[in-house]
PDB file of N, CA and C in Angstrom:
ATOM      1  N   SER A   1     -39.823  43.452 -12.598  1.00  0.00           N
ATOM      2  CA  SER A   1     -38.810  42.648 -11.914  1.00  0.00           C
ATOM      3  C   SER A   1     -39.411  41.949 -10.697  1.00  0.00           C
ATOM      4  N   LEU A   2     -40.367  42.569 -10.030  1.00  0.00           N
ATOM      5  CA  LEU A   2     -41.028  41.914  -8.908  1.00  0.00           C
ATOM      6  C   LEU A   2     -41.795  40.701  -9.395  1.00  0.00           C
ATOM      7  N   TRP A   3     -42.465  40.821 -10.546  1.00  0.00           N
ATOM      8  CA  TRP A   3     -43.190  39.697 -11.121  1.00  0.00           C
ATOM      9  C   TRP A   3     -42.229  38.525 -11.426  1.00  0.00           C
ATOM     10  N   TYR A   4     -41.018  38.838 -11.926  1.00  0.00           N
ATOM     11  CA  TYR A   4     -40.008  37.833 -12.227  1.00  0.00           C
ATOM     12  C   TYR A   4     -39.547  37.132 -10.961  1.00  0.00           C
ATOM     13  N   ALA A   5     -39.341  37.890  -9.856  1.00  0.00           N
ATOM     14  CA  ALA A   5     -38.941  37.309  -8.575  1.00  0.00           C
ATOM     15  C   ALA A   5     -40.024  36.404  -8.029  1.00  0.00           C
ATOM     16  N   VAL A   6     -41.268  36.782  -8.186  1.00  0.00           N
ATOM     17  CA  VAL A   6     -42.377  35.953  -7.727  1.00  0.00           C
ATOM     18  C   VAL A   6     -42.407  34.647  -8.522  1.00  0.00           C
ATOM     19  N   GLN A   7     -42.120  34.715  -9.786  1.00  0.00           N
ATOM     20  CA  GLN A   7     -42.110  33.499 -10.604  1.00  0.00           C
ATOM     21  C   GLN A   7     -40.926  32.608 -10.246  1.00  0.00           C
ATOM     22  N   LEU A   8     -39.789  33.185  -9.822  1.00  0.00           N
ATOM     23  CA  LEU A   8     -38.614  32.392  -9.487  1.00  0.00           C
ATOM     24  C   LEU A   8     -38.771  31.665  -8.164  1.00  0.00           C
ATOM     25  N   THR A   9     -39.527  32.185  -7.254  1.00  0.00           N
ATOM     26  CA  THR A   9     -39.653  31.592  -5.928  1.00  0.00           C
ATOM     27  C   THR A   9     -40.128  30.148  -5.986  1.00  0.00           C
ATOM     28  N   PRO A  10     -41.182  29.813  -6.710  1.00  0.00           N
ATOM     29  CA  PRO A  10     -41.555  28.384  -6.793  1.00  0.00           C
ATOM     30  C   PRO A  10     -40.455  27.543  -7.437  1.00  0.00           C
ATOM     31  N   CYS A  11     -39.757  28.128  -8.374  1.00  0.00           N
ATOM     32  CA  CYS A  11     -38.684  27.406  -9.043  1.00  0.00           C
ATOM     33  C   CYS A  11     -37.568  27.083  -8.037  1.00  0.00           C
ATOM     34  N   LEU A  12     -37.217  28.058  -7.170  1.00  0.00           N
ATOM     35  CA  LEU A  12     -36.183  27.825  -6.156  1.00  0.00           C
ATOM     36  C   LEU A  12     -36.634  26.778  -5.147  1.00  0.00           C
ATOM     37  N   ASP A  13     -37.925  26.799  -4.783  1.00  0.00           N
ATOM     38  CA  ASP A  13     -38.437  25.787  -3.868  1.00  0.00           C
ATOM     39  C   ASP A  13     -38.308  24.386  -4.462  1.00  0.00           C
ATOM     40  N   VAL A  14     -38.600  24.273  -5.747  1.00  0.00           N
ATOM     41  CA  VAL A  14     -38.468  22.976  -6.424  1.00  0.00           C
ATOM     42  C   VAL A  14     -37.011  22.545  -6.452  1.00  0.00           C
ATOM     43  N   GLN A  15     -36.101  23.488  -6.728  1.00  0.00           N
ATOM     44  CA  GLN A  15     -34.685  23.149  -6.757  1.00  0.00           C
ATOM     45  C   GLN A  15     -34.202  22.718  -5.373  1.00  0.00           C
ATOM     46  N   LEU A  16     -34.612  23.433  -4.321  1.00  0.00           N
ATOM     47  CA  LEU A  16     -34.226  23.033  -2.967  1.00  0.00           C
ATOM     48  C   LEU A  16     -34.794  21.671  -2.627  1.00  0.00           C
ATOM     49  N   ALA A  17     -36.018  21.420  -3.035  1.00  0.00           N
ATOM     50  CA  ALA A  17     -36.629  20.120  -2.763  1.00  0.00           C
ATOM     51  C   ALA A  17     -35.869  19.012  -3.468  1.00  0.00           C
ATOM     52  N   LEU A  18     -35.372  19.280  -4.666  1.00  0.00           N
ATOM     53  CA  LEU A  18     -34.591  18.274  -5.384  1.00  0.00           C
ATOM     54  C   LEU A  18     -33.225  18.054  -4.737  1.00  0.00           C
ATOM     55  N   HIS A  19     -32.638  19.105  -4.161  1.00  0.00           N
ATOM     56  CA  HIS A  19     -31.302  19.002  -3.588  1.00  0.00           C
ATOM     57  C   HIS A  19     -31.317  18.659  -2.110  1.00  0.00           C
ATOM     58  N   ARG A  20     -32.486  18.630  -1.477  1.00  0.00           N
ATOM     59  CA  ARG A  20     -32.562  18.342  -0.041  1.00  0.00           C
ATOM     60  C   ARG A  20     -31.933  17.001   0.302  1.00  0.00           C
ATOM     61  N   PRO A  21     -32.177  15.919  -0.456  1.00  0.00           N
ATOM     62  CA  PRO A  21     -31.491  14.646  -0.111  1.00  0.00           C
ATOM     63  C   PRO A  21     -29.977  14.769  -0.171  1.00  0.00           C
ATOM     64  N   LEU A  22     -29.491  15.544  -1.110  1.00  0.00           N
ATOM     65  CA  LEU A  22     -28.045  15.750  -1.187  1.00  0.00           C
ATOM     66  C   LEU A  22     -27.544  16.539   0.006  1.00  0.00           C
ATOM     67  N   LEU A  23     -28.319  17.513   0.453  1.00  0.00           N
ATOM     68  CA  LEU A  23     -27.936  18.292   1.613  1.00  0.00           C
ATOM     69  C   LEU A  23     -27.920  17.445   2.872  1.00  0.00           C
ATOM     70  N   LEU A  24     -28.805  16.448   2.940  1.00  0.00           N
ATOM     71  CA  LEU A  24     -28.809  15.551   4.083  1.00  0.00           C
ATOM     72  C   LEU A  24     -27.581  14.641   4.081  1.00  0.00           C
ATOM     73  N   LEU A  25     -27.031  14.377   2.913  1.00  0.00           N
ATOM     74  CA  LEU A  25     -25.847  13.535   2.802  1.00  0.00           C
ATOM     75  C   LEU A  25     -24.554  14.299   3.078  1.00  0.00           C
ATOM     76  N   LEU A  26     -24.622  15.607   3.093  1.00  0.00           N
ATOM     77  CA  LEU A  26     -23.424  16.416   3.260  1.00  0.00           C
ATOM     78  C   LEU A  26     -22.656  16.093   4.534  1.00  0.00           C
ATOM     79  N   PRO A  27     -23.278  15.967   5.711  1.00  0.00           N
ATOM     80  CA  PRO A  27     -22.486  15.604   6.904  1.00  0.00           C
ATOM     81  C   PRO A  27     -21.804  14.243   6.764  1.00  0.00           C
ATOM     82  N   LEU A  28     -22.463  13.289   6.147  1.00  0.00           N
ATOM     83  CA  LEU A  28     -21.856  11.986   5.926  1.00  0.00           C
ATOM     84  C   LEU A  28     -20.659  12.081   4.995  1.00  0.00           C
ATOM     85  N   LEU A  29     -20.808  12.848   3.933  1.00  0.00           N
ATOM     86  CA  LEU A  29     -19.688  13.044   3.005  1.00  0.00           C
ATOM     87  C   LEU A  29     -18.526  13.747   3.687  1.00  0.00           C
ATOM     88  N   MET A  30     -18.818  14.713   4.547  1.00  0.00           N
ATOM     89  CA  MET A  30     -17.758  15.410   5.278  1.00  0.00           C
ATOM     90  C   MET A  30     -17.035  14.453   6.219  1.00  0.00           C
ATOM     91  N   LEU A  31     -17.772  13.585   6.898  1.00  0.00           N
ATOM     92  CA  LEU A  31     -17.174  12.603   7.789  1.00  0.00           C
ATOM     93  C   LEU A  31     -16.292  11.632   7.008  1.00  0.00           C
ATOM     94  N   MET A  32     -16.767  11.187   5.853  1.00  0.00           N
ATOM     95  CA  MET A  32     -15.973  10.292   5.026  1.00  0.00           C
ATOM     96  C   MET A  32     -14.692  10.966   4.572  1.00  0.00           C
ATOM     97  N   LEU A  33     -14.772  12.226   4.198  1.00  0.00           N
ATOM     98  CA  LEU A  33     -13.605  12.970   3.770  1.00  0.00           C
ATOM     99  C   LEU A  33     -12.613  13.119   4.920  1.00  0.00           C
ATOM    100  N   MET A  34     -13.114  13.406   6.115  1.00  0.00           N
ATOM    101  CA  MET A  34     -12.231  13.543   7.270  1.00  0.00           C
ATOM    102  C   MET A  34     -11.544  12.212   7.589  1.00  0.00           C
ATOM    103  N   LEU A  35     -12.255  11.105   7.469  1.00  0.00           N
ATOM    104  CA  LEU A  35     -11.652   9.794   7.713  1.00  0.00           C
ATOM    105  C   LEU A  35     -10.588   9.466   6.671  1.00  0.00           C
ATOM    106  N   MET A  36     -10.851   9.831   5.440  1.00  0.00           N
ATOM    107  CA  MET A  36      -9.855   9.618   4.383  1.00  0.00           C
ATOM    108  C   MET A  36      -8.608  10.437   4.644  1.00  0.00           C
ATOM    109  N   LEU A  37      -8.790  11.700   5.062  1.00  0.00           N
ATOM    110  CA  LEU A  37      -7.631  12.534   5.358  1.00  0.00           C
ATOM    111  C   LEU A  37      -6.856  11.991   6.551  1.00  0.00           C
ATOM    112  N   LEU A  38      -7.545  11.496   7.551  1.00  0.00           N
ATOM    113  CA  LEU A  38      -6.883  10.899   8.704  1.00  0.00           C
ATOM    114  C   LEU A  38      -6.065   9.680   8.285  1.00  0.00           C
ATOM    115  N   GLN A  39      -6.639   8.869   7.398  1.00  0.00           N
ATOM    116  CA  GLN A  39      -5.929   7.695   6.903  1.00  0.00           C
ATOM    117  C   GLN A  39      -4.664   8.119   6.126  1.00  0.00           C
ATOM    118  N   ILE A  40      -4.775   9.153   5.332  1.00  0.00           N
ATOM    119  CA  ILE A  40      -3.619   9.642   4.569  1.00  0.00           C
ATOM    120  C   ILE A  40      -2.542  10.147   5.509  1.00  0.00           C
ATOM    121  N   LEU A  41      -2.931  10.895   6.532  1.00  0.00           N
ATOM    122  CA  LEU A  41      -1.959  11.403   7.496  1.00  0.00           C
ATOM    123  C   LEU A  41      -1.274  10.258   8.257  1.00  0.00           C
ATOM    124  N   THR A  42      -2.035   9.237   8.612  1.00  0.00           N
ATOM    125  CA  THR A  42      -1.462   8.073   9.280  1.00  0.00           C
ATOM    126  C   THR A  42      -0.454   7.372   8.372  1.00  0.00           C
ATOM    127  N   GLU A  43      -0.814   7.213   7.124  1.00  0.00           N
ATOM    128  CA  GLU A  43       0.089   6.568   6.166  1.00  0.00           C
ATOM    129  C   GLU A  43       1.351   7.402   5.963  1.00  0.00           C
ATOM    130  N   MET A  44       1.184   8.717   5.928  1.00  0.00           N
ATOM    131  CA  MET A  44       2.373   9.583   5.789  1.00  0.00           C
ATOM    132  C   MET A  44       3.303   9.417   6.989  1.00  0.00           C
ATOM    133  N   GLY A  45       2.740   9.303   8.194  1.00  0.00           N
ATOM    134  CA  GLY A  45       3.557   9.087   9.377  1.00  0.00           C
ATOM    135  C   GLY A  45       4.315   7.771   9.307  1.00  0.00           C
ATOM    136  N   GLU A  46       3.644   6.721   8.842  1.00  0.00           N
ATOM    137  CA  GLU A  46       4.302   5.428   8.683  1.00  0.00           C
ATOM    138  C   GLU A  46       5.423   5.510   7.660  1.00  0.00           C
ATOM    139  N   LEU A  47       5.171   6.186   6.553  1.00  0.00           N
ATOM    140  CA  LEU A  47       6.200   6.327   5.518  1.00  0.00           C
ATOM    141  C   LEU A  47       7.392   7.115   6.043  1.00  0.00           C
ATOM    142  N   ARG A  48       7.127   8.147   6.833  1.00  0.00           N
ATOM    143  CA  ARG A  48       8.234   8.925   7.428  1.00  0.00           C
ATOM    144  C   ARG A  48       9.098   8.033   8.331  1.00  0.00           C
ATOM    145  N   ARG A  49       8.443   7.155   9.108  1.00  0.00           N
ATOM    146  CA  ARG A  49       9.191   6.254   9.975  1.00  0.00           C
ATOM    147  C   ARG A  49      10.046   5.293   9.152  1.00  0.00           C
ATOM    148  N   HIS A  50       9.486   4.796   8.039  1.00  0.00           N
ATOM    149  CA  HIS A  50      10.261   3.904   7.167  1.00  0.00           C
ATOM    150  C   HIS A  50      11.445   4.637   6.545  1.00  0.00           C
ATOM    151  N   VAL A  51      11.221   5.862   6.115  1.00  0.00           N
ATOM    152  CA  VAL A  51      12.316   6.652   5.531  1.00  0.00           C
ATOM    153  C   VAL A  51      13.396   6.882   6.563  1.00  0.00           C
ATOM    154  N   GLU A  52      13.005   7.231   7.785  1.00  0.00           N
ATOM    155  CA  GLU A  52      13.997   7.459   8.839  1.00  0.00           C
ATOM    156  C   GLU A  52      14.784   6.190   9.138  1.00  0.00           C
ATOM    157  N   ALA A  53      14.099   5.037   9.153  1.00  0.00           N
ATOM    158  CA  ALA A  53      14.793   3.761   9.363  1.00  0.00           C
ATOM    159  C   ALA A  53      15.771   3.474   8.232  1.00  0.00           C
ATOM    160  N   ASP A  54      15.375   3.743   7.001  1.00  0.00           N
ATOM    161  CA  ASP A  54      16.261   3.533   5.848  1.00  0.00           C
ATOM    162  C   ASP A  54      17.476   4.457   5.914  1.00  0.00           C
ATOM    163  N   LEU A  55      17.252   5.721   6.279  1.00  0.00           N
ATOM    164  CA  LEU A  55      18.361   6.664   6.390  1.00  0.00           C
ATOM    165  C   LEU A  55      19.323   6.247   7.512  1.00  0.00           C
ATOM    166  N   SER A  56      18.774   5.771   8.615  1.00  0.00           N
ATOM    167  CA  SER A  56      19.623   5.298   9.712  1.00  0.00           C
ATOM    168  C   SER A  56      20.441   4.078   9.278  1.00  0.00           C
ATOM    169  N   GLY A  57      19.793   3.195   8.513  1.00  0.00           N
ATOM    170  CA  GLY A  57      20.504   2.029   7.987  1.00  0.00           C
ATOM    171  C   GLY A  57      21.650   2.428   7.067  1.00  0.00           C
ATOM    172  N   CYS A  58      21.413   3.402   6.214  1.00  0.00           N
ATOM    173  CA  CYS A  58      22.471   3.896   5.318  1.00  0.00           C
ATOM    174  C   CYS A  58      23.616   4.506   6.110  1.00  0.00           C
ATOM    175  N   GLN A  59      23.262   5.281   7.137  1.00  0.00           N
ATOM    176  CA  GLN A  59      24.293   5.897   7.966  1.00  0.00           C
ATOM    177  C   GLN A  59      25.111   4.838   8.691  1.00  0.00           C
ATOM    178  N   SER A  60      24.462   3.802   9.185  1.00  0.00           N
ATOM    179  CA  SER A  60      25.175   2.712   9.858  1.00  0.00           C
ATOM    180  C   SER A  60      26.125   1.999   8.895  1.00  0.00           C
ATOM    181  N   ALA A  61      25.656   1.755   7.676  1.00  0.00           N
ATOM    182  CA  ALA A  61      26.505   1.085   6.679  1.00  0.00           C
ATOM    183  C   ALA A  61      27.715   1.952   6.338  1.00  0.00           C
ATOM    184  N   LEU A  62      27.519   3.246   6.195  1.00  0.00           N
ATOM    185  CA  LEU A  62      28.648   4.139   5.903  1.00  0.00           C
ATOM    186  C   LEU A  62      29.607   4.194   7.082  1.00  0.00           C
ATOM    187  N   ASP A  63      29.092   4.210   8.290  1.00  0.00           N
ATOM    188  CA  ASP A  63      29.961   4.211   9.473  1.00  0.00           C
ATOM    189  C   ASP A  63      30.765   2.929   9.572  1.00  0.00           C
ATOM    190  N   GLU A  64      30.119   1.780   9.314  1.00  0.00           N
ATOM    191  CA  GLU A  64      30.821   0.482   9.350  1.00  0.00           C
ATOM    192  C   GLU A  64      31.916   0.434   8.293  1.00  0.00           C
ATOM    193  N   GLU A  65      31.600   0.954   7.107  1.00  0.00           N
ATOM    194  CA  GLU A  65      32.603   0.956   6.037  1.00  0.00           C
ATOM    195  C   GLU A  65      33.783   1.845   6.409  1.00  0.00           C
ATOM    196  N   ALA A  66      33.519   2.976   7.041  1.00  0.00           N
ATOM    197  CA  ALA A  66      34.602   3.868   7.462  1.00  0.00           C
ATOM    198  C   ALA A  66      35.459   3.201   8.546  1.00  0.00           C
ATOM    199  N   GLN A  67      34.828   2.466   9.452  1.00  0.00           N
ATOM    200  CA  GLN A  67      35.588   1.739  10.485  1.00  0.00           C
ATOM    201  C   GLN A  67      36.437   0.649   9.876  1.00  0.00           C
ATOM    202  N   ALA A  68      35.886  -0.067   8.893  1.00  0.00           N
ATOM    203  CA  ALA A  68      36.647  -1.118   8.216  1.00  0.00           C
ATOM    204  C   ALA A  68      37.826  -0.519   7.462  1.00  0.00           C
ATOM    205  N   ASP A  69      37.616   0.632   6.822  1.00  0.00           N
ATOM    206  CA  ASP A  69      38.691   1.311   6.121  1.00  0.00           C
ATOM    207  C   ASP A  69      39.783   1.756   7.095  1.00  0.00           C
ATOM    208  N   ALA A  70      39.377   2.300   8.224  1.00  0.00           N
ATOM    209  CA  ALA A  70      40.355   2.733   9.227  1.00  0.00           C
ATOM    210  C   ALA A  70      41.141   1.540   9.776  1.00  0.00           C
ATOM    211  N   ALA A  71      40.466   0.403   9.993  1.00  0.00           N
ATOM    212  CA  ALA A  71      41.145  -0.800  10.481  1.00  0.00           C
ATOM    213  C   ALA A  71      42.147  -1.304   9.452  1.00  0.00           C
ATOM    214  N   ALA A  72      41.770  -1.312   8.184  1.00  0.00           N
ATOM    215  CA  ALA A  72      42.679  -1.767   7.132  1.00  0.00           C
ATOM    216  C   ALA A  72      43.867  -0.823   7.009  1.00  0.00           C
ATOM    217  N   ARG A  73      43.655   0.476   7.135  1.00  0.00           N
ATOM    218  CA  ARG A  73      44.755   1.438   7.069  1.00  0.00           C
ATOM    219  C   ARG A  73      45.713   1.270   8.220  1.00  0.00           C
ATOM    220  N   SER A  74      45.169   0.987   9.408  1.00  0.00           N
ATOM    221  CA  SER A  74      46.058   0.798  10.552  1.00  0.00           C
ATOM    222  C   SER A  74      46.813  -0.528  10.438  1.00  0.00           C
ATOM    223  N   GLN A  75      46.193  -1.536   9.846  1.00  0.00           N
ATOM    224  CA  GLN A  75      46.841  -2.838   9.703  1.00  0.00           C
ATOM    225  C   GLN A  75      47.903  -2.834   8.612  1.00  0.00           C
ATOM    226  N   TYR A  76      47.588  -2.218   7.457  1.00  0.00           N
ATOM    227  CA  TYR A  76      48.505  -2.295   6.313  1.00  0.00           C
ATOM    228  C   TYR A  76      49.337  -1.047   6.106  1.00  0.00           C
ATOM    229  N   GLY A  77      49.036   0.017   6.784  1.00  0.00           N
ATOM    230  CA  GLY A  77      49.824   1.245   6.702  1.00  0.00           C
ATOM    231  C   GLY A  77      49.856   1.809   5.296  1.00  0.00           C
ATOM    232  N   ASP A  78      51.081   2.096   4.819  1.00  0.00           N
ATOM    233  CA  ASP A  78      51.251   2.703   3.505  1.00  0.00           C
ATOM    234  C   ASP A  78      50.938   1.764   2.345  1.00  0.00           C
ATOM    235  N   GLU A  79      50.877   0.482   2.626  1.00  0.00           N
ATOM    236  CA  GLU A  79      50.543  -0.482   1.567  1.00  0.00           C
ATOM    237  C   GLU A  79      49.068  -0.359   1.143  1.00  0.00           C
ATOM    238  N   TRP A  80      48.259   0.198   1.996  1.00  0.00           N
ATOM    239  CA  TRP A  80      46.819   0.370   1.694  1.00  0.00           C
ATOM    240  C   TRP A  80      46.688   1.619   0.845  1.00  0.00           C
ATOM    241  N   ARG A  81      46.546   1.435  -0.452  1.00  0.00           N
ATOM    242  CA  ARG A  81      46.572   2.556  -1.383  1.00  0.00           C
ATOM    243  C   ARG A  81      45.190   2.999  -1.871  1.00  0.00           C
ATOM    244  N   MET A  82      44.186   2.425  -1.360  1.00  0.00           N
ATOM    245  CA  MET A  82      42.816   2.827  -1.740  1.00  0.00           C
ATOM    246  C   MET A  82      42.549   4.236  -1.235  1.00  0.00           C
ATOM    247  N   PRO A  83      41.747   4.997  -1.965  1.00  0.00           N
ATOM    248  CA  PRO A  83      41.343   6.305  -1.435  1.00  0.00           C
ATOM    249  C   PRO A  83      40.582   6.110  -0.112  1.00  0.00           C
ATOM    250  N   THR A  84      40.615   7.109   0.710  1.00  0.00           N
ATOM    251  CA  THR A  84      39.965   6.993   2.028  1.00  0.00           C
ATOM    252  C   THR A  84      38.459   6.805   1.877  1.00  0.00           C
ATOM    253  N   SER A  85      37.911   6.218   2.895  1.00  0.00           N
ATOM    254  CA  SER A  85      36.471   5.982   2.908  1.00  0.00           C
ATOM    255  C   SER A  85      35.715   7.306   2.809  1.00  0.00           C
ATOM    256  N   ALA A  86      36.219   8.327   3.482  1.00  0.00           N
ATOM    257  CA  ALA A  86      35.557   9.639   3.457  1.00  0.00           C
ATOM    258  C   ALA A  86      35.519  10.199   2.028  1.00  0.00           C
ATOM    259  N   THR A  87      36.579   9.959   1.266  1.00  0.00           N
ATOM    260  CA  THR A  87      36.616  10.453  -0.110  1.00  0.00           C
ATOM    261  C   THR A  87      35.635   9.677  -0.990  1.00  0.00           C
ATOM    262  N   LEU A  88      35.641   8.351  -0.859  1.00  0.00           N
ATOM    263  CA  LEU A  88      34.786   7.515  -1.692  1.00  0.00           C
ATOM    264  C   LEU A  88      33.300   7.661  -1.358  1.00  0.00           C
ATOM    265  N   ALA A  89      33.005   7.899  -0.092  1.00  0.00           N
ATOM    266  CA  ALA A  89      31.600   7.946   0.331  1.00  0.00           C
ATOM    267  C   ALA A  89      31.075   9.372   0.475  1.00  0.00           C
ATOM    268  N   LYS A  90      31.860  10.359   0.041  1.00  0.00           N
ATOM    269  CA  LYS A  90      31.458  11.760   0.222  1.00  0.00           C
ATOM    270  C   LYS A  90      30.074  12.019  -0.401  1.00  0.00           C
ATOM    271  N   HIS A  91      29.872  11.531  -1.618  1.00  0.00           N
ATOM    272  CA  HIS A  91      28.592  11.738  -2.295  1.00  0.00           C
ATOM    273  C   HIS A  91      27.426  11.150  -1.482  1.00  0.00           C
ATOM    274  N   TYR A  92      27.656   9.947  -0.926  1.00  0.00           N
ATOM    275  CA  TYR A  92      26.587   9.298  -0.150  1.00  0.00           C
ATOM    276  C   TYR A  92      26.291  10.076   1.136  1.00  0.00           C
ATOM    277  N   TRP A  93      27.342  10.570   1.797  1.00  0.00           N
ATOM    278  CA  TRP A  93      27.126  11.371   2.995  1.00  0.00           C
ATOM    279  C   TRP A  93      26.369  12.659   2.682  1.00  0.00           C
ATOM    280  N   GLU A  94      26.719  13.286   1.569  1.00  0.00           N
ATOM    281  CA  GLU A  94      26.009  14.506   1.175  1.00  0.00           C
ATOM    282  C   GLU A  94      24.531  14.219   0.896  1.00  0.00           C
ATOM    283  N   LYS A  95      24.268  13.127   0.205  1.00  0.00           N
ATOM    284  CA  LYS A  95      22.879  12.743  -0.079  1.00  0.00           C
ATOM    285  C   LYS A  95      22.122  12.438   1.216  1.00  0.00           C
ATOM    286  N   LEU A  96      22.795  11.733   2.121  1.00  0.00           N
ATOM    287  CA  LEU A  96      22.176  11.394   3.391  1.00  0.00           C
ATOM    288  C   LEU A  96      21.803  12.654   4.173  1.00  0.00           C
ATOM    289  N   HIS A  97      22.744  13.601   4.258  1.00  0.00           N
ATOM    290  CA  HIS A  97      22.456  14.839   4.959  1.00  0.00           C
ATOM    291  C   HIS A  97      21.391  15.650   4.241  1.00  0.00           C
ATOM    292  N   SER A  98      21.391  15.622   2.928  1.00  0.00           N
ATOM    293  CA  SER A  98      20.375  16.338   2.137  1.00  0.00           C
ATOM    294  C   SER A  98      18.983  15.773   2.421  1.00  0.00           C
ATOM    295  N   TYR A  99      18.867  14.431   2.415  1.00  0.00           N
ATOM    296  CA  TYR A  99      17.570  13.803   2.694  1.00  0.00           C
ATOM    297  C   TYR A  99      17.119  14.121   4.118  1.00  0.00           C
ATOM    298  N   ARG A 100      18.067  14.071   5.058  1.00  0.00           N
ATOM    299  CA  ARG A 100      17.705  14.387   6.446  1.00  0.00           C
ATOM    300  C   ARG A 100      17.228  15.827   6.544  1.00  0.00           C
ATOM    301  N   TRP A 101      17.904  16.759   5.870  1.00  0.00           N
ATOM    302  CA  TRP A 101      17.507  18.163   5.909  1.00  0.00           C
ATOM    303  C   TRP A 101      16.107  18.348   5.321  1.00  0.00           C
ATOM    304  N   GLU A 102      15.876  17.707   4.172  1.00  0.00           N
ATOM    305  CA  GLU A 102      14.569  17.818   3.536  1.00  0.00           C
ATOM    306  C   GLU A 102      13.487  17.195   4.422  1.00  0.00           C
ATOM    307  N   HIS A 103      13.826  16.104   5.087  1.00  0.00           N
ATOM    308  CA  HIS A 103      12.869  15.448   5.984  1.00  0.00           C
ATOM    309  C   HIS A 103      12.505  16.368   7.145  1.00  0.00           C
ATOM    310  N   LYS A 104      13.493  17.043   7.728  1.00  0.00           N
ATOM    311  CA  LYS A 104      13.216  17.984   8.829  1.00  0.00           C
ATOM    312  C   LYS A 104      12.427  19.180   8.290  1.00  0.00           C
ATOM    313  N   LEU A 105      12.769  19.626   7.103  1.00  0.00           N
ATOM    314  CA  LEU A 105      12.066  20.746   6.501  1.00  0.00           C
ATOM    315  C   LEU A 105      10.606  20.354   6.228  1.00  0.00           C
ATOM    316  N   GLY A 106      10.402  19.143   5.773  1.00  0.00           N
ATOM    317  CA  GLY A 106       9.044  18.650   5.551  1.00  0.00           C
ATOM    318  C   GLY A 106       8.254  18.583   6.847  1.00  0.00           C
ATOM    319  N   ASP A 107       8.922  18.197   7.948  1.00  0.00           N
ATOM    320  CA  ASP A 107       8.243  18.151   9.236  1.00  0.00           C
ATOM    321  C   ASP A 107       7.799  19.537   9.675  1.00  0.00           C
ATOM    322  N   SER A 108       8.647  20.535   9.416  1.00  0.00           N
ATOM    323  CA  SER A 108       8.275  21.895   9.840  1.00  0.00           C
ATOM    324  C   SER A 108       7.123  22.438   9.009  1.00  0.00           C
ATOM    325  N   TYR A 109       7.069  22.030   7.722  1.00  0.00           N
ATOM    326  CA  TYR A 109       5.940  22.484   6.890  1.00  0.00           C
ATOM    327  C   TYR A 109       4.664  21.755   7.269  1.00  0.00           C
ATOM    328  N   SER A 110       4.760  20.489   7.614  1.00  0.00           N
ATOM    329  CA  SER A 110       3.541  19.737   7.946  1.00  0.00           C
ATOM    330  C   SER A 110       3.001  20.146   9.313  1.00  0.00           C
ATOM    331  N   ALA A 111       3.821  20.749  10.167  1.00  0.00           N
ATOM    332  CA  ALA A 111       3.355  21.169  11.485  1.00  0.00           C
ATOM    333  C   ALA A 111       2.547  22.442  11.412  1.00  0.00           C
ATOM    334  N   THR A 112       2.728  23.215  10.323  1.00  0.00           N
ATOM    335  CA  THR A 112       1.995  24.494  10.205  1.00  0.00           C
ATOM    336  C   THR A 112       0.655  24.300   9.579  1.00  0.00           C
TER     337      THR A 112
END
C-alpha cells in the first residue's frame, strides 16, 4: 500500500497542476456569483415595491367604490336596490388582505 501511495503522489501533482488555473479563477467566479445574487436581491426589492403600489391602488379603488356606493345610497335611499359595496367587494377585500399578509410573511422570511 505504501508503494501505491508513492505512485499516486505524482498523479495528484499532475491533477493539481491541471486544476491550478481553475483554482485561480475561483475568487473571480465567487465575485461574479455574489454580484448576480446582489442583482437578484435588488430586483426582488423593486418587484416588492411594485406589488405594494399595485395593492395600494386596488385598495384605493375599492375605497372609492365604497364611497360612491355610500353617496348613491344617501342620495336615493330605499330606491337604491343594489347590494352594498361591502357585499359585492368582499372577495376583493379578502384577496387584498391575503396578499398583504403573504407579503409581510415573505418579508419576515427574507429577513432571516
